[in-house]
């Protein structure tokens, strides 16, 4: 079933099975033709995967929740026993790197940031642009993590801003699904 779903809805896109590891992509999701998805990756309803994003589920599983966006140039990987999960309504900014971590619902990971093994970004939290969230760090709900290594500022995130950004990407993905066409 998953293989049929991928081949029927994503013709021409770089979506690959690896042996028995087959991506599962909801038919309402948008995957840009220049994104790459390999192996044990699940992409939820109305989620969006943008150009040059790479989601490689070869060592472990990757799950992208409904209405979440994974923006241009982002790399998401998982390790043995280290799944990477992105919850519902999340925004993962351009050129981010997620590796064996958990991003809870309605969180934002800023452009150029890195979130590493066993780290957790809780609901409504924000990882600032270019921040590095090291192994096992927890960014509490509603907090902002900034710097290298990240320092947590409790209560400094904005859930309404995250929700607005997530909704804007759902709408942008609808436009791309309907109107994107290659001209050269």
N, C-alpha and C. Protein backbone atom coordinates (compact mmCIF):
# COMPACT_ATOMS: atom_id res chain seq x y z
N UNK A 1 0.83 -1.20 0.00
CA UNK A 1 0.00 0.00 0.00
C UNK A 1 0.87 1.26 0.00
N UNK A 2 1.85 1.36 0.88
CA UNK A 2 2.68 2.56 0.95
C UNK A 2 3.40 2.79 -0.36
N UNK A 3 3.91 1.74 -0.97
CA UNK A 3 4.61 1.87 -2.24
C UNK A 3 3.67 2.42 -3.31
N UNK A 4 2.43 1.96 -3.35
CA UNK A 4 1.46 2.46 -4.31
C UNK A 4 1.17 3.93 -4.06
N UNK A 5 1.04 4.31 -2.79
CA UNK A 5 0.78 5.69 -2.44
C UNK A 5 1.91 6.57 -2.96
N UNK A 6 3.14 6.18 -2.74
CA UNK A 6 4.27 6.97 -3.19
C UNK A 6 4.29 7.08 -4.70
N UNK A 7 4.17 5.95 -5.40
CA UNK A 7 4.29 6.00 -6.86
C UNK A 7 3.11 6.73 -7.51
N UNK A 8 1.93 6.64 -6.93
CA UNK A 8 0.77 7.26 -7.54
C UNK A 8 0.74 8.77 -7.35
N UNK A 9 1.18 9.25 -6.19
CA UNK A 9 1.01 10.67 -5.90
C UNK A 9 2.27 11.49 -6.08
N UNK A 10 3.42 10.86 -6.27
CA UNK A 10 4.66 11.62 -6.31
C UNK A 10 5.51 11.30 -7.53
N UNK A 11 4.88 11.03 -8.64
CA UNK A 11 5.61 10.73 -9.86
C UNK A 11 6.58 11.85 -10.17
N UNK A 12 7.83 11.49 -10.48
CA UNK A 12 8.85 12.46 -10.83
C UNK A 12 9.58 13.07 -9.66
N UNK A 13 9.22 12.74 -8.45
CA UNK A 13 9.89 13.29 -7.27
C UNK A 13 10.92 12.31 -6.77
N UNK A 14 11.91 12.81 -6.06
CA UNK A 14 13.00 11.97 -5.57
C UNK A 14 12.61 11.30 -4.26
N UNK A 15 11.76 10.29 -4.37
CA UNK A 15 11.29 9.52 -3.22
C UNK A 15 11.72 8.09 -3.46
N UNK A 16 12.49 7.52 -2.51
CA UNK A 16 13.11 6.22 -2.72
C UNK A 16 12.80 5.25 -1.59
N UNK A 17 12.51 4.01 -1.98
CA UNK A 17 12.49 2.91 -1.02
C UNK A 17 13.92 2.40 -0.89
N UNK A 18 14.26 1.88 0.27
CA UNK A 18 15.56 1.27 0.51
C UNK A 18 15.30 -0.11 1.09
N UNK A 19 15.45 -1.14 0.27
CA UNK A 19 15.01 -2.49 0.63
C UNK A 19 13.56 -2.43 1.07
N UNK A 20 13.29 -2.83 2.31
CA UNK A 20 11.91 -2.85 2.80
C UNK A 20 11.48 -1.52 3.42
N UNK A 21 12.36 -0.55 3.47
CA UNK A 21 12.03 0.76 4.06
C UNK A 21 11.41 1.64 2.97
N UNK A 22 10.10 1.86 3.08
CA UNK A 22 9.36 2.58 2.05
C UNK A 22 8.73 3.83 2.67
N UNK A 23 8.99 5.01 2.10
CA UNK A 23 8.36 6.22 2.62
C UNK A 23 6.83 6.13 2.55
N UNK A 24 6.18 6.76 3.51
CA UNK A 24 4.72 6.88 3.53
C UNK A 24 4.39 8.35 3.54
N UNK A 25 3.83 8.82 2.44
CA UNK A 25 3.56 10.24 2.26
C UNK A 25 2.08 10.45 2.03
N UNK A 26 1.46 11.22 2.90
CA UNK A 26 0.03 11.48 2.77
C UNK A 26 -0.23 12.16 1.42
N UNK A 27 -1.31 11.78 0.75
CA UNK A 27 -1.59 12.36 -0.57
C UNK A 27 -1.86 13.87 -0.54
N UNK A 28 -2.15 14.44 0.63
CA UNK A 28 -2.36 15.88 0.70
C UNK A 28 -1.08 16.65 1.02
N UNK A 29 0.02 15.94 1.26
CA UNK A 29 1.30 16.60 1.53
C UNK A 29 1.88 17.13 0.23
N UNK A 30 2.74 18.13 0.34
CA UNK A 30 3.47 18.64 -0.81
C UNK A 30 4.95 18.31 -0.62
N UNK A 31 5.51 17.59 -1.60
CA UNK A 31 6.95 17.32 -1.62
C UNK A 31 7.48 17.93 -2.91
N UNK A 32 8.35 18.91 -2.77
CA UNK A 32 8.92 19.56 -3.96
C UNK A 32 9.72 18.55 -4.77
N UNK A 33 9.69 18.63 -6.09
CA UNK A 33 10.41 17.67 -6.93
C UNK A 33 11.92 17.61 -6.68
N UNK A 34 12.49 18.66 -6.10
CA UNK A 34 13.92 18.66 -5.84
C UNK A 34 14.27 18.34 -4.39
N UNK A 35 13.29 17.89 -3.61
CA UNK A 35 13.57 17.36 -2.28
C UNK A 35 13.89 15.88 -2.44
N UNK A 36 14.56 15.28 -1.44
CA UNK A 36 14.90 13.87 -1.48
C UNK A 36 14.39 13.22 -0.20
N UNK A 37 13.63 12.13 -0.38
CA UNK A 37 13.11 11.36 0.75
C UNK A 37 13.51 9.91 0.52
N UNK A 38 14.19 9.32 1.52
CA UNK A 38 14.69 7.94 1.40
C UNK A 38 14.28 7.14 2.62
N UNK A 39 13.72 5.95 2.41
CA UNK A 39 13.53 4.96 3.46
C UNK A 39 12.38 5.20 4.40
N UNK A 40 12.62 4.96 5.69
CA UNK A 40 11.58 4.95 6.72
C UNK A 40 11.19 6.36 7.13
N UNK A 41 10.49 7.04 6.22
CA UNK A 41 10.06 8.42 6.43
C UNK A 41 8.55 8.48 6.27
N UNK A 42 7.88 9.13 7.21
CA UNK A 42 6.44 9.36 7.14
C UNK A 42 6.20 10.86 7.08
N UNK A 43 5.38 11.29 6.13
CA UNK A 43 5.04 12.70 5.99
C UNK A 43 3.53 12.81 6.11
N UNK A 44 3.06 13.61 7.07
CA UNK A 44 1.64 13.71 7.37
C UNK A 44 0.86 14.63 6.46
N UNK A 45 -0.44 14.66 6.71
CA UNK A 45 -1.39 15.45 5.91
C UNK A 45 -1.02 16.93 5.92
N UNK A 46 -1.09 17.53 4.74
CA UNK A 46 -0.84 18.95 4.52
C UNK A 46 0.55 19.41 4.97
N UNK A 47 1.46 18.47 5.19
CA UNK A 47 2.84 18.84 5.48
C UNK A 47 3.51 19.26 4.18
N UNK A 48 4.62 19.96 4.29
CA UNK A 48 5.34 20.38 3.08
C UNK A 48 6.84 20.18 3.25
N UNK A 49 7.44 19.65 2.19
CA UNK A 49 8.88 19.41 2.14
C UNK A 49 9.38 20.23 0.95
N UNK A 50 10.27 21.17 1.19
CA UNK A 50 10.64 22.18 0.19
C UNK A 50 11.94 21.83 -0.52
N UNK A 51 12.33 22.62 -1.56
CA UNK A 51 13.48 22.27 -2.40
C UNK A 51 14.77 22.01 -1.60
N UNK A 52 15.50 21.01 -2.05
CA UNK A 52 16.81 20.63 -1.51
C UNK A 52 16.78 20.10 -0.09
N UNK A 53 15.58 19.89 0.46
CA UNK A 53 15.50 19.23 1.77
C UNK A 53 15.82 17.75 1.56
N UNK A 54 16.52 17.15 2.51
CA UNK A 54 16.87 15.73 2.45
C UNK A 54 16.41 15.08 3.74
N UNK A 55 15.53 14.07 3.61
CA UNK A 55 15.05 13.30 4.75
C UNK A 55 15.49 11.87 4.50
N UNK A 56 16.50 11.41 5.26
CA UNK A 56 17.10 10.10 5.00
C UNK A 56 16.84 9.17 6.17
N UNK A 57 15.85 8.30 5.99
CA UNK A 57 15.47 7.33 7.01
C UNK A 57 16.08 5.98 6.73
N UNK A 58 17.41 5.89 6.77
CA UNK A 58 18.08 4.62 6.51
C UNK A 58 18.52 3.91 7.78
N UNK A 59 18.94 4.64 8.80
CA UNK A 59 19.34 4.03 10.07
C UNK A 59 18.18 3.96 11.06
N UNK A 60 17.24 4.88 10.95
CA UNK A 60 16.12 4.96 11.87
C UNK A 60 14.96 5.67 11.19
N UNK A 61 13.87 5.86 11.93
CA UNK A 61 12.66 6.44 11.36
C UNK A 61 12.63 7.96 11.49
N UNK A 62 11.94 8.56 10.54
CA UNK A 62 11.69 10.00 10.54
C UNK A 62 10.19 10.18 10.38
N UNK A 63 9.58 11.00 11.21
CA UNK A 63 8.15 11.29 11.09
C UNK A 63 7.94 12.80 11.08
N UNK A 64 7.23 13.26 10.06
CA UNK A 64 6.88 14.67 9.94
C UNK A 64 5.37 14.77 10.12
N UNK A 65 4.94 15.52 11.12
CA UNK A 65 3.52 15.61 11.44
C UNK A 65 2.72 16.45 10.47
N UNK A 66 1.43 16.32 10.57
CA UNK A 66 0.50 17.06 9.73
C UNK A 66 0.73 18.56 9.87
N UNK A 67 0.63 19.26 8.74
CA UNK A 67 0.68 20.72 8.68
C UNK A 67 2.05 21.29 9.06
N UNK A 68 3.08 20.45 9.10
CA UNK A 68 4.44 20.93 9.38
C UNK A 68 5.17 21.22 8.08
N UNK A 69 6.09 22.18 8.13
CA UNK A 69 6.89 22.48 6.94
C UNK A 69 8.36 22.23 7.24
N UNK A 70 9.02 21.61 6.27
CA UNK A 70 10.47 21.38 6.31
C UNK A 70 11.02 22.18 5.15
N UNK A 71 11.70 23.26 5.46
CA UNK A 71 12.05 24.23 4.43
C UNK A 71 13.36 23.91 3.71
N UNK A 72 13.63 24.70 2.71
CA UNK A 72 14.70 24.52 1.75
C UNK A 72 16.05 24.22 2.41
N UNK A 73 16.70 23.16 1.91
CA UNK A 73 18.05 22.82 2.34
C UNK A 73 18.17 22.14 3.68
N UNK A 74 17.06 21.84 4.31
CA UNK A 74 17.11 21.17 5.62
C UNK A 74 17.54 19.72 5.46
N UNK A 75 18.31 19.23 6.42
CA UNK A 75 18.72 17.83 6.46
C UNK A 75 18.14 17.20 7.72
N UNK A 76 17.40 16.10 7.53
CA UNK A 76 16.86 15.36 8.66
C UNK A 76 17.33 13.92 8.54
N UNK A 77 17.92 13.42 9.62
CA UNK A 77 18.45 12.06 9.64
C UNK A 77 18.08 11.43 10.98
N UNK A 78 18.23 10.13 11.07
CA UNK A 78 17.96 9.40 12.30
C UNK A 78 19.02 8.31 12.43
N UNK A 79 19.26 7.88 13.65
CA UNK A 79 20.25 6.82 13.87
C UNK A 79 19.59 5.59 14.45
N UNK A 80 20.35 4.50 14.57
CA UNK A 80 19.79 3.30 15.18
C UNK A 80 19.28 3.61 16.60
N UNK A 81 18.00 3.40 16.81
CA UNK A 81 17.42 3.70 18.12
C UNK A 81 17.25 5.19 18.37
N UNK A 82 17.48 6.01 17.36
CA UNK A 82 17.37 7.46 17.50
C UNK A 82 16.43 8.03 16.43
N UNK A 83 15.13 7.79 16.56
CA UNK A 83 14.22 8.35 15.57
C UNK A 83 14.22 9.87 15.63
N UNK A 84 13.86 10.48 14.53
CA UNK A 84 13.68 11.93 14.50
C UNK A 84 12.20 12.18 14.24
N UNK A 85 11.58 12.96 15.13
CA UNK A 85 10.16 13.26 14.97
C UNK A 85 9.95 14.77 14.97
N UNK A 86 9.08 15.18 14.09
CA UNK A 86 8.64 16.57 14.02
C UNK A 86 7.13 16.51 14.17
N UNK A 87 6.60 17.15 15.19
CA UNK A 87 5.17 17.06 15.50
C UNK A 87 4.29 17.78 14.50
N UNK A 88 3.06 18.00 14.89
CA UNK A 88 2.06 18.67 14.05
C UNK A 88 2.23 20.18 14.15
N UNK A 89 2.04 20.88 13.02
CA UNK A 89 2.05 22.33 13.02
C UNK A 89 3.39 22.95 13.31
N UNK A 90 4.46 22.26 12.98
CA UNK A 90 5.81 22.77 13.23
C UNK A 90 6.36 23.48 12.00
N UNK A 91 7.32 24.35 12.24
CA UNK A 91 8.04 25.03 11.17
C UNK A 91 9.51 24.74 11.37
N UNK A 92 10.13 24.11 10.36
CA UNK A 92 11.57 23.84 10.39
C UNK A 92 12.18 24.72 9.32
N UNK A 93 12.97 25.72 9.74
CA UNK A 93 13.49 26.74 8.84
C UNK A 93 14.54 26.24 7.88
N UNK A 94 14.89 27.10 6.95
CA UNK A 94 15.87 26.81 5.92
C UNK A 94 17.20 26.38 6.52
N UNK A 95 17.80 25.36 5.90
CA UNK A 95 19.15 24.89 6.23
C UNK A 95 19.30 24.36 7.65
N UNK A 96 18.21 23.95 8.28
CA UNK A 96 18.30 23.36 9.61
C UNK A 96 18.81 21.93 9.49
N UNK A 97 19.30 21.38 10.60
CA UNK A 97 19.77 19.99 10.66
C UNK A 97 19.18 19.37 11.92
N UNK A 98 18.37 18.33 11.71
CA UNK A 98 17.77 17.58 12.82
C UNK A 98 18.31 16.17 12.79
N UNK A 99 18.77 15.67 13.94
CA UNK A 99 19.43 14.37 14.00
C UNK A 99 19.04 13.64 15.27
N UNK A 100 18.14 12.65 15.17
CA UNK A 100 17.80 11.82 16.33
C UNK A 100 17.17 12.59 17.47
N UNK A 101 16.29 13.53 17.16
CA UNK A 101 15.70 14.40 18.18
C UNK A 101 14.18 14.39 18.06
N UNK A 102 13.53 15.07 19.00
CA UNK A 102 12.06 15.17 18.99
C UNK A 102 11.66 16.63 19.03
N UNK A 103 10.91 17.03 18.02
CA UNK A 103 10.34 18.38 17.96
C UNK A 103 8.85 18.20 18.19
N UNK A 104 8.34 18.71 19.30
CA UNK A 104 6.94 18.52 19.64
C UNK A 104 6.05 19.46 18.82
N UNK A 105 4.72 19.26 18.94
CA UNK A 105 3.75 20.04 18.18
C UNK A 105 3.97 21.55 18.35
N UNK A 106 3.66 22.27 17.27
CA UNK A 106 3.63 23.74 17.30
C UNK A 106 4.95 24.36 17.74
N UNK A 107 6.06 23.75 17.35
CA UNK A 107 7.38 24.30 17.66
C UNK A 107 8.01 24.85 16.39
N UNK A 108 9.00 25.70 16.57
CA UNK A 108 9.71 26.29 15.44
C UNK A 108 11.20 26.06 15.62
N UNK A 109 11.85 25.57 14.56
CA UNK A 109 13.30 25.39 14.53
C UNK A 109 13.81 26.37 13.49
N UNK A 110 14.57 27.36 13.92
CA UNK A 110 14.98 28.45 13.05
C UNK A 110 16.01 28.06 12.00
N UNK A 111 16.13 28.92 11.01
CA UNK A 111 17.05 28.71 9.90
C UNK A 111 18.47 28.51 10.38
N UNK A 112 19.14 27.53 9.79
CA UNK A 112 20.54 27.28 10.09
C UNK A 112 20.82 26.65 11.44
N UNK A 113 19.79 26.27 12.17
CA UNK A 113 20.01 25.70 13.50
C UNK A 113 20.23 24.20 13.42
N UNK A 114 20.77 23.65 14.51
CA UNK A 114 21.08 22.23 14.61
C UNK A 114 20.46 21.71 15.90
N UNK A 115 19.73 20.59 15.81
CA UNK A 115 19.16 19.94 17.00
C UNK A 115 19.64 18.50 16.96
N UNK A 116 20.38 18.09 18.02
CA UNK A 116 21.09 16.82 17.99
C UNK A 116 20.44 15.71 18.83
N UNK A 117 21.13 14.58 18.92
CA UNK A 117 20.63 13.33 19.50
C UNK A 117 19.97 13.51 20.87
N UNK A 118 18.80 12.91 20.98
CA UNK A 118 18.01 12.87 22.22
C UNK A 118 17.56 14.25 22.70
N UNK A 119 17.80 15.30 21.94
CA UNK A 119 17.30 16.62 22.34
C UNK A 119 15.80 16.66 22.11
N UNK A 120 15.12 17.49 22.90
CA UNK A 120 13.67 17.64 22.80
C UNK A 120 13.34 19.13 22.76
N UNK A 121 12.53 19.51 21.79
CA UNK A 121 12.00 20.87 21.70
C UNK A 121 10.51 20.73 21.97
N UNK A 122 10.07 21.22 23.12
CA UNK A 122 8.69 21.01 23.54
C UNK A 122 7.72 21.96 22.84
N UNK A 123 6.42 21.70 23.06
CA UNK A 123 5.34 22.42 22.37
C UNK A 123 5.49 23.94 22.53
N UNK A 124 5.38 24.62 21.39
CA UNK A 124 5.40 26.07 21.41
C UNK A 124 6.76 26.69 21.63
N UNK A 125 7.81 25.88 21.67
CA UNK A 125 9.16 26.41 21.86
C UNK A 125 9.75 26.81 20.52
N UNK A 126 10.77 27.66 20.58
CA UNK A 126 11.47 28.11 19.39
C UNK A 126 12.97 27.89 19.58
N UNK A 127 13.61 27.32 18.54
CA UNK A 127 15.06 27.26 18.46
C UNK A 127 15.44 28.39 17.51
N UNK A 128 16.19 29.37 18.02
CA UNK A 128 16.55 30.53 17.21
C UNK A 128 17.47 30.18 16.06
N UNK A 129 17.51 31.06 15.08
CA UNK A 129 18.37 30.87 13.91
C UNK A 129 19.81 30.65 14.34
N UNK A 130 20.44 29.66 13.71
CA UNK A 130 21.85 29.31 13.92
C UNK A 130 22.18 28.78 15.31
N UNK A 131 21.19 28.48 16.12
CA UNK A 131 21.44 27.91 17.45
C UNK A 131 21.84 26.44 17.30
N UNK A 132 22.57 25.93 18.28
CA UNK A 132 22.91 24.51 18.34
C UNK A 132 22.36 23.96 19.65
N UNK A 133 21.38 23.07 19.52
CA UNK A 133 20.79 22.40 20.68
C UNK A 133 21.54 21.07 20.82
N UNK A 134 22.39 20.95 21.85
CA UNK A 134 23.24 19.76 21.97
C UNK A 134 22.48 18.52 22.42
N UNK A 135 23.17 17.40 22.37
CA UNK A 135 22.60 16.11 22.81
C UNK A 135 21.91 16.26 24.16
N UNK A 136 20.72 15.68 24.25
CA UNK A 136 19.93 15.55 25.47
C UNK A 136 19.38 16.85 26.07
N UNK A 137 19.59 17.96 25.43
CA UNK A 137 19.03 19.21 25.95
C UNK A 137 17.52 19.22 25.74
N UNK A 138 16.79 19.79 26.68
CA UNK A 138 15.35 19.98 26.56
C UNK A 138 15.09 21.48 26.49
N UNK A 139 14.38 21.88 25.44
CA UNK A 139 13.92 23.26 25.33
C UNK A 139 12.46 23.24 25.79
N UNK A 140 12.19 23.79 26.98
CA UNK A 140 10.85 23.67 27.56
C UNK A 140 9.77 24.36 26.74
N UNK A 141 8.54 23.95 26.95
CA UNK A 141 7.39 24.55 26.28
C UNK A 141 7.43 26.06 26.43
N UNK A 142 7.24 26.77 25.32
CA UNK A 142 7.17 28.22 25.34
C UNK A 142 8.50 28.94 25.45
N UNK A 143 9.60 28.19 25.50
CA UNK A 143 10.92 28.81 25.67
C UNK A 143 11.57 29.10 24.31
N UNK A 144 12.59 29.93 24.35
CA UNK A 144 13.41 30.24 23.20
C UNK A 144 14.82 29.77 23.50
N UNK A 145 15.43 29.02 22.55
CA UNK A 145 16.81 28.57 22.70
C UNK A 145 17.65 29.30 21.67
N UNK A 146 18.70 29.99 22.12
CA UNK A 146 19.56 30.75 21.22
C UNK A 146 21.02 30.51 21.57
N UNK A 147 21.88 30.62 20.55
CA UNK A 147 23.32 30.57 20.76
C UNK A 147 23.93 29.21 20.50
N UNK A 148 25.27 29.17 20.66
CA UNK A 148 26.06 27.97 20.42
C UNK A 148 27.00 27.78 21.62
N UNK A 149 26.78 26.77 22.45
CA UNK A 149 25.58 25.93 22.51
C UNK A 149 24.38 26.76 22.97
N UNK A 150 23.20 26.25 22.71
CA UNK A 150 21.98 27.00 23.00
C UNK A 150 21.83 27.27 24.49
N UNK A 151 21.31 28.45 24.77
CA UNK A 151 20.92 28.87 26.11
C UNK A 151 19.42 29.09 26.07
N UNK A 152 18.72 28.63 27.09
CA UNK A 152 17.25 28.68 27.11
C UNK A 152 16.78 29.95 27.80
N UNK A 153 15.83 30.63 27.14
CA UNK A 153 15.16 31.80 27.71
C UNK A 153 13.69 31.43 27.92
N UNK A 154 13.32 31.09 29.15
CA UNK A 154 11.94 30.66 29.40
C UNK A 154 10.92 31.72 29.00
N UNK A 155 9.81 31.27 28.40
CA UNK A 155 8.70 32.15 28.08
C UNK A 155 8.93 33.12 26.94
N UNK A 156 10.03 32.99 26.21
CA UNK A 156 10.36 33.97 25.18
C UNK A 156 9.90 33.59 23.77
N UNK A 157 9.26 32.44 23.62
CA UNK A 157 8.73 32.03 22.32
C UNK A 157 7.33 32.59 22.14
N UNK A 158 6.83 32.61 20.91
CA UNK A 158 5.50 33.11 20.63
C UNK A 158 4.69 32.06 19.88
N UNK A 159 3.82 31.35 20.60
CA UNK A 159 2.98 30.34 19.98
C UNK A 159 2.11 30.91 18.86
N UNK A 160 1.49 32.08 19.03
CA UNK A 160 0.69 32.62 17.91
C UNK A 160 1.53 32.86 16.65
N UNK A 161 2.77 33.28 16.80
CA UNK A 161 3.63 33.48 15.63
C UNK A 161 3.96 32.16 14.95
N UNK A 162 4.20 31.12 15.74
CA UNK A 162 4.48 29.80 15.17
C UNK A 162 3.25 29.28 14.43
N UNK A 163 2.08 29.41 15.05
CA UNK A 163 0.85 28.94 14.41
C UNK A 163 0.58 29.69 13.10
N UNK A 164 0.83 30.99 13.09
CA UNK A 164 0.64 31.77 11.86
C UNK A 164 1.60 31.31 10.77
N UNK A 165 2.85 31.12 11.13
CA UNK A 165 3.85 30.67 10.15
C UNK A 165 3.49 29.30 9.59
N UNK A 166 3.08 28.39 10.47
CA UNK A 166 2.68 27.05 10.01
C UNK A 166 1.51 27.13 9.04
N UNK A 167 0.52 27.96 9.35
CA UNK A 167 -0.64 28.12 8.48
C UNK A 167 -0.25 28.72 7.14
N UNK A 168 0.68 29.67 7.14
CA UNK A 168 1.14 30.27 5.89
C UNK A 168 1.80 29.22 4.99
N UNK A 169 2.55 28.28 5.59
CA UNK A 169 3.18 27.24 4.79
C UNK A 169 2.16 26.21 4.29
N UNK A 170 1.11 25.95 5.03
CA UNK A 170 0.05 25.07 4.53
C UNK A 170 -0.58 25.70 3.29
N UNK A 171 -0.85 27.00 3.36
CA UNK A 171 -1.45 27.70 2.22
C UNK A 171 -0.49 27.76 1.04
N UNK A 172 0.79 28.02 1.30
CA UNK A 172 1.78 28.08 0.23
C UNK A 172 1.90 26.72 -0.44
N UNK A 173 1.87 25.65 0.34
CA UNK A 173 1.96 24.30 -0.23
C UNK A 173 0.76 24.00 -1.12
N UNK A 174 -0.43 24.47 -0.74
CA UNK A 174 -1.61 24.28 -1.59
C UNK A 174 -1.41 24.95 -2.95
N UNK A 175 -0.86 26.16 -2.93
CA UNK A 175 -0.58 26.86 -4.18
C UNK A 175 0.43 26.06 -5.02
N UNK A 176 1.49 25.60 -4.41
CA UNK A 176 2.51 24.84 -5.14
C UNK A 176 1.94 23.54 -5.71
N UNK A 177 1.11 22.84 -4.93
CA UNK A 177 0.50 21.60 -5.43
C UNK A 177 -0.34 21.88 -6.68
N UNK A 178 -1.02 23.02 -6.69
CA UNK A 178 -1.93 23.34 -7.78
C UNK A 178 -1.24 24.00 -8.97
N UNK A 179 -0.18 24.79 -8.74
CA UNK A 179 0.30 25.66 -9.80
C UNK A 179 1.77 25.51 -10.18
N UNK A 180 2.55 24.74 -9.44
CA UNK A 180 3.97 24.61 -9.78
C UNK A 180 4.13 23.83 -11.07
N UNK A 181 4.88 24.37 -11.99
CA UNK A 181 5.18 23.66 -13.23
C UNK A 181 6.58 24.05 -13.69
N UNK A 182 7.29 23.08 -14.17
CA UNK A 182 8.64 23.32 -14.68
C UNK A 182 8.54 23.88 -16.09
N UNK A 183 9.30 24.95 -16.37
CA UNK A 183 9.22 25.57 -17.70
C UNK A 183 10.52 25.46 -18.48
N UNK A 184 11.56 24.98 -17.88
CA UNK A 184 12.82 24.79 -18.63
C UNK A 184 13.59 23.61 -18.06
